[in-house]
């Protein structure tokens, strides 16, 4: 857990801390989604299929 921003922090510092926190959370979400899709996108032979249809 990040420590809370100092009360005297500038608006920019606070915004940077928030955006860093957000991108961290979004990154986790994106990785989870990718893993979910990778599991799902297998053809009948069990090969992983990319979104464009080519085999990995």
PDB file of N, CA and C in Angstrom:
ATOM      1  N   UNK A   1       0.835  -1.196   0.000  1.00  0.00           N
ATOM      2  CA  UNK A   1       0.000   0.000   0.000  1.00  0.00           C
ATOM      3  C   UNK A   1       0.871   1.249   0.000  1.00  0.00           C
ATOM      4  N   UNK A   2       0.497   2.201  -0.849  1.00  0.00           N
ATOM      5  CA  UNK A   2       1.221   3.464  -0.851  1.00  0.00           C
ATOM      6  C   UNK A   2       0.848   4.269   0.372  1.00  0.00           C
ATOM      7  N   UNK A   3       1.798   5.080   0.854  1.00  0.00           N
ATOM      8  CA  UNK A   3       1.463   5.973   1.964  1.00  0.00           C
ATOM      9  C   UNK A   3       0.599   7.106   1.421  1.00  0.00           C
ATOM     10  N   UNK A   4      -0.232   7.680   2.270  1.00  0.00           N
ATOM     11  CA  UNK A   4      -1.118   8.756   1.828  1.00  0.00           C
ATOM     12  C   UNK A   4      -0.289   9.982   1.475  1.00  0.00           C
ATOM     13  N   UNK A   5      -0.711  10.744   0.440  1.00  0.00           N
ATOM     14  CA  UNK A   5       0.028  11.960   0.078  1.00  0.00           C
ATOM     15  C   UNK A   5       0.055  12.941   1.245  1.00  0.00           C
ATOM     16  N   UNK A   6       1.161  13.647   1.369  1.00  0.00           N
ATOM     17  CA  UNK A   6       1.296  14.643   2.434  1.00  0.00           C
ATOM     18  C   UNK A   6       0.280  15.754   2.200  1.00  0.00           C
ATOM     19  N   UNK A   7      -0.250  16.288   3.281  1.00  0.00           N
ATOM     20  CA  UNK A   7      -1.288  17.321   3.163  1.00  0.00           C
ATOM     21  C   UNK A   7      -0.780  18.506   2.346  1.00  0.00           C
ATOM     22  N   UNK A   8       0.488  18.877   2.508  1.00  0.00           N
ATOM     23  CA  UNK A   8       1.024  20.042   1.816  1.00  0.00           C
ATOM     24  C   UNK A   8       1.448  19.773   0.378  1.00  0.00           C
ATOM     25  N   UNK A   9       1.202  18.583  -0.125  1.00  0.00           N
ATOM     26  CA  UNK A   9       1.655  18.231  -1.473  1.00  0.00           C
ATOM     27  C   UNK A   9       0.964  19.104  -2.521  1.00  0.00           C
ATOM     28  N   UNK A  10       1.699  19.415  -3.579  1.00  0.00           N
ATOM     29  CA  UNK A  10       1.108  20.224  -4.641  1.00  0.00           C
ATOM     30  C   UNK A  10       0.097  19.386  -5.408  1.00  0.00           C
ATOM     31  N   UNK A  11      -0.747  20.069  -6.155  1.00  0.00           N
ATOM     32  CA  UNK A  11      -1.768  19.372  -6.947  1.00  0.00           C
ATOM     33  C   UNK A  11      -1.099  18.423  -7.932  1.00  0.00           C
ATOM     34  N   UNK A  12       0.001  18.879  -8.557  1.00  0.00           N
ATOM     35  CA  UNK A  12       0.669  18.038  -9.543  1.00  0.00           C
ATOM     36  C   UNK A  12       1.222  16.772  -8.906  1.00  0.00           C
ATOM     37  N   UNK A  13       1.862  16.928  -7.737  1.00  0.00           N
ATOM     38  CA  UNK A  13       2.395  15.753  -7.053  1.00  0.00           C
ATOM     39  C   UNK A  13       1.280  14.770  -6.738  1.00  0.00           C
ATOM     40  N   UNK A  14       0.160  15.312  -6.259  1.00  0.00           N
ATOM     41  CA  UNK A  14      -0.956  14.444  -5.906  1.00  0.00           C
ATOM     42  C   UNK A  14      -1.469  13.728  -7.143  1.00  0.00           C
ATOM     43  N   UNK A  15      -1.575  14.483  -8.259  1.00  0.00           N
ATOM     44  CA  UNK A  15      -2.087  13.894  -9.496  1.00  0.00           C
ATOM     45  C   UNK A  15      -1.144  12.806 -10.002  1.00  0.00           C
ATOM     46  N   UNK A  16       0.168  13.057  -9.910  1.00  0.00           N
ATOM     47  CA  UNK A  16       1.130  12.047 -10.361  1.00  0.00           C
ATOM     48  C   UNK A  16       1.011  10.785  -9.526  1.00  0.00           C
ATOM     49  N   UNK A  17       0.850  10.949  -8.216  1.00  0.00           N
ATOM     50  CA  UNK A  17       0.712   9.782  -7.340  1.00  0.00           C
ATOM     51  C   UNK A  17      -0.537   8.993  -7.709  1.00  0.00           C
ATOM     52  N   UNK A  18      -1.622   9.711  -7.979  1.00  0.00           N
ATOM     53  CA  UNK A  18      -2.873   9.036  -8.333  1.00  0.00           C
ATOM     54  C   UNK A  18      -2.731   8.321  -9.666  1.00  0.00           C
ATOM     55  N   UNK A  19      -2.144   8.988 -10.675  1.00  0.00           N
ATOM     56  CA  UNK A  19      -2.038   8.360 -11.988  1.00  0.00           C
ATOM     57  C   UNK A  19      -1.107   7.152 -11.940  1.00  0.00           C
ATOM     58  N   UNK A  20      -0.054   7.215 -11.118  1.00  0.00           N
ATOM     59  CA  UNK A  20       0.833   6.055 -10.981  1.00  0.00           C
ATOM     60  C   UNK A  20       0.056   4.894 -10.379  1.00  0.00           C
ATOM     61  N   UNK A  21      -0.757   5.212  -9.380  1.00  0.00           N
ATOM     62  CA  UNK A  21      -1.579   4.191  -8.737  1.00  0.00           C
ATOM     63  C   UNK A  21      -2.549   3.582  -9.738  1.00  0.00           C
ATOM     64  N   UNK A  22      -3.202   4.429 -10.540  1.00  0.00           N
ATOM     65  CA  UNK A  22      -4.166   3.958 -11.527  1.00  0.00           C
ATOM     66  C   UNK A  22      -3.502   3.055 -12.557  1.00  0.00           C
ATOM     67  N   UNK A  23      -2.361   3.493 -13.104  1.00  0.00           N
ATOM     68  CA  UNK A  23      -1.724   2.702 -14.152  1.00  0.00           C
ATOM     69  C   UNK A  23      -1.268   1.360 -13.598  1.00  0.00           C
ATOM     70  N   UNK A  24      -0.868   1.346 -12.328  1.00  0.00           N
ATOM     71  CA  UNK A  24      -0.499   0.084 -11.700  1.00  0.00           C
ATOM     72  C   UNK A  24      -1.697  -0.848 -11.683  1.00  0.00           C
ATOM     73  N   UNK A  25      -2.820  -0.321 -11.248  1.00  0.00           N
ATOM     74  CA  UNK A  25      -4.025  -1.145 -11.163  1.00  0.00           C
ATOM     75  C   UNK A  25      -4.463  -1.600 -12.547  1.00  0.00           C
ATOM     76  N   UNK A  26      -4.421  -0.683 -13.531  1.00  0.00           N
ATOM     77  CA  UNK A  26      -4.825  -1.038 -14.886  1.00  0.00           C
ATOM     78  C   UNK A  26      -3.898  -2.089 -15.469  1.00  0.00           C
ATOM     79  N   UNK A  27      -2.617  -1.997 -15.148  1.00  0.00           N
ATOM     80  CA  UNK A  27      -1.668  -2.990 -15.643  1.00  0.00           C
ATOM     81  C   UNK A  27      -2.025  -4.372 -15.141  1.00  0.00           C
ATOM     82  N   UNK A  28      -2.352  -4.467 -13.858  1.00  0.00           N
ATOM     83  CA  UNK A  28      -2.750  -5.758 -13.300  1.00  0.00           C
ATOM     84  C   UNK A  28      -3.982  -6.280 -14.024  1.00  0.00           C
ATOM     85  N   UNK A  29      -4.944  -5.386 -14.243  1.00  0.00           N
ATOM     86  CA  UNK A  29      -6.183  -5.785 -14.899  1.00  0.00           C
ATOM     87  C   UNK A  29      -5.894  -6.283 -16.313  1.00  0.00           C
ATOM     88  N   UNK A  30      -5.021  -5.562 -17.033  1.00  0.00           N
ATOM     89  CA  UNK A  30      -4.714  -5.933 -18.409  1.00  0.00           C
ATOM     90  C   UNK A  30      -4.050  -7.306 -18.460  1.00  0.00           C
ATOM     91  N   UNK A  31      -3.123  -7.550 -17.525  1.00  0.00           N
ATOM     92  CA  UNK A  31      -2.462  -8.856 -17.509  1.00  0.00           C
ATOM     93  C   UNK A  31      -3.467  -9.970 -17.257  1.00  0.00           C
ATOM     94  N   UNK A  32      -4.378  -9.742 -16.322  1.00  0.00           N
ATOM     95  CA  UNK A  32      -5.393 -10.764 -16.040  1.00  0.00           C
ATOM     96  C   UNK A  32      -6.229 -11.031 -17.278  1.00  0.00           C
ATOM     97  N   UNK A  33      -6.652  -9.966 -17.968  1.00  0.00           N
ATOM     98  CA  UNK A  33      -7.463 -10.125 -19.172  1.00  0.00           C
ATOM     99  C   UNK A  33      -6.700 -10.908 -20.231  1.00  0.00           C
ATOM    100  N   UNK A  34      -5.410 -10.558 -20.429  1.00  0.00           N
ATOM    101  CA  UNK A  34      -4.618 -11.252 -21.440  1.00  0.00           C
ATOM    102  C   UNK A  34      -4.513 -12.731 -21.124  1.00  0.00           C
ATOM    103  N   UNK A  35      -4.261 -13.052 -19.857  1.00  0.00           N
ATOM    104  CA  UNK A  35      -4.163 -14.461 -19.484  1.00  0.00           C
ATOM    105  C   UNK A  35      -5.481 -15.173 -19.745  1.00  0.00           C
ATOM    106  N   UNK A  36      -6.601 -14.499 -19.440  1.00  0.00           N
ATOM    107  CA  UNK A  36      -7.905 -15.109 -19.659  1.00  0.00           C
ATOM    108  C   UNK A  36      -8.112 -15.395 -21.144  1.00  0.00           C
ATOM    109  N   UNK A  37      -7.765 -14.418 -21.981  1.00  0.00           N
ATOM    110  CA  UNK A  37      -7.966 -14.603 -23.410  1.00  0.00           C
ATOM    111  C   UNK A  37      -7.025 -15.649 -23.961  1.00  0.00           C
ATOM    112  N   UNK A  38      -5.790 -15.703 -23.434  1.00  0.00           N
ATOM    113  CA  UNK A  38      -4.861 -16.707 -23.926  1.00  0.00           C
ATOM    114  C   UNK A  38      -5.386 -18.106 -23.656  1.00  0.00           C
ATOM    115  N   UNK A  39      -5.982 -18.293 -22.472  1.00  0.00           N
ATOM    116  CA  UNK A  39      -6.552 -19.608 -22.165  1.00  0.00           C
ATOM    117  C   UNK A  39      -7.696 -19.921 -23.114  1.00  0.00           C
ATOM    118  N   UNK A  40      -8.492 -18.898 -23.434  1.00  0.00           N
ATOM    119  CA  UNK A  40      -9.700 -19.115 -24.210  1.00  0.00           C
ATOM    120  C   UNK A  40      -9.397 -19.325 -25.692  1.00  0.00           C
ATOM    121  N   UNK A  41      -8.376 -18.637 -26.214  1.00  0.00           N
ATOM    122  CA  UNK A  41      -8.140 -18.651 -27.656  1.00  0.00           C
ATOM    123  C   UNK A  41      -7.285 -19.845 -28.073  1.00  0.00           C
ATOM    124  N   UNK A  42      -7.811 -21.039 -27.867  1.00  0.00           N
ATOM    125  CA  UNK A  42      -7.122 -22.229 -28.368  1.00  0.00           C
ATOM    126  C   UNK A  42      -8.035 -22.876 -29.403  1.00  0.00           C
ATOM    127  N   UNK A  43      -7.438 -23.318 -30.502  1.00  0.00           N
ATOM    128  CA  UNK A  43      -8.278 -23.958 -31.512  1.00  0.00           C
ATOM    129  C   UNK A  43      -8.501 -25.422 -31.130  1.00  0.00           C
ATOM    130  N   UNK A  44      -9.118 -26.186 -32.023  1.00  0.00           N
ATOM    131  CA  UNK A  44      -9.473 -27.561 -31.684  1.00  0.00           C
ATOM    132  C   UNK A  44      -8.261 -28.441 -31.400  1.00  0.00           C
ATOM    133  N   UNK A  45      -7.108 -28.111 -31.972  1.00  0.00           N
ATOM    134  CA  UNK A  45      -5.903 -28.908 -31.728  1.00  0.00           C
ATOM    135  C   UNK A  45      -5.206 -28.514 -30.435  1.00  0.00           C
ATOM    136  N   UNK A  46      -5.719 -27.478 -29.761  1.00  0.00           N
ATOM    137  CA  UNK A  46      -5.094 -27.037 -28.525  1.00  0.00           C
ATOM    138  C   UNK A  46      -3.989 -26.024 -28.758  1.00  0.00           C
ATOM    139  N   UNK A  47      -3.827 -25.580 -30.018  1.00  0.00           N
ATOM    140  CA  UNK A  47      -2.809 -24.566 -30.297  1.00  0.00           C
ATOM    141  C   UNK A  47      -3.360 -23.196 -29.928  1.00  0.00           C
ATOM    142  N   UNK A  48      -2.477 -22.338 -29.444  1.00  0.00           N
ATOM    143  CA  UNK A  48      -2.908 -20.981 -29.113  1.00  0.00           C
ATOM    144  C   UNK A  48      -3.070 -20.193 -30.409  1.00  0.00           C
ATOM    145  N   UNK A  49      -4.202 -19.545 -30.565  1.00  0.00           N
ATOM    146  CA  UNK A  49      -4.482 -18.783 -31.779  1.00  0.00           C
ATOM    147  C   UNK A  49      -4.466 -17.303 -31.443  1.00  0.00           C
ATOM    148  N   UNK A  50      -3.734 -16.525 -32.219  1.00  0.00           N
ATOM    149  CA  UNK A  50      -3.707 -15.080 -32.010  1.00  0.00           C
ATOM    150  C   UNK A  50      -4.978 -14.455 -32.556  1.00  0.00           C
ATOM    151  N   UNK A  51      -5.173 -13.185 -32.212  1.00  0.00           N
ATOM    152  CA  UNK A  51      -6.383 -12.487 -32.634  1.00  0.00           C
ATOM    153  C   UNK A  51      -6.491 -12.441 -34.155  1.00  0.00           C
ATOM    154  N   UNK A  52      -5.355 -12.374 -34.863  1.00  0.00           N
ATOM    155  CA  UNK A  52      -5.404 -12.285 -36.322  1.00  0.00           C
ATOM    156  C   UNK A  52      -5.533 -13.666 -36.968  1.00  0.00           C
ATOM    157  N   UNK A  53      -5.634 -14.720 -36.155  1.00  0.00           N
ATOM    158  CA  UNK A  53      -5.870 -16.048 -36.705  1.00  0.00           C
ATOM    159  C   UNK A  53      -4.610 -16.866 -36.929  1.00  0.00           C
ATOM    160  N   UNK A  54      -3.424 -16.241 -36.827  1.00  0.00           N
ATOM    161  CA  UNK A  54      -2.194 -17.010 -37.039  1.00  0.00           C
ATOM    162  C   UNK A  54      -1.835 -17.754 -35.761  1.00  0.00           C
ATOM    163  N   UNK A  55      -1.152 -18.865 -35.902  1.00  0.00           N
ATOM    164  CA  UNK A  55      -0.747 -19.637 -34.732  1.00  0.00           C
ATOM    165  C   UNK A  55       0.486 -19.023 -34.109  1.00  0.00           C
ATOM    166  N   UNK A  56       0.581 -19.106 -32.771  1.00  0.00           N
ATOM    167  CA  UNK A  56       1.773 -18.591 -32.091  1.00  0.00           C
ATOM    168  C   UNK A  56       2.882 -19.603 -32.209  1.00  0.00           C
TER     169      UNK A  56
END
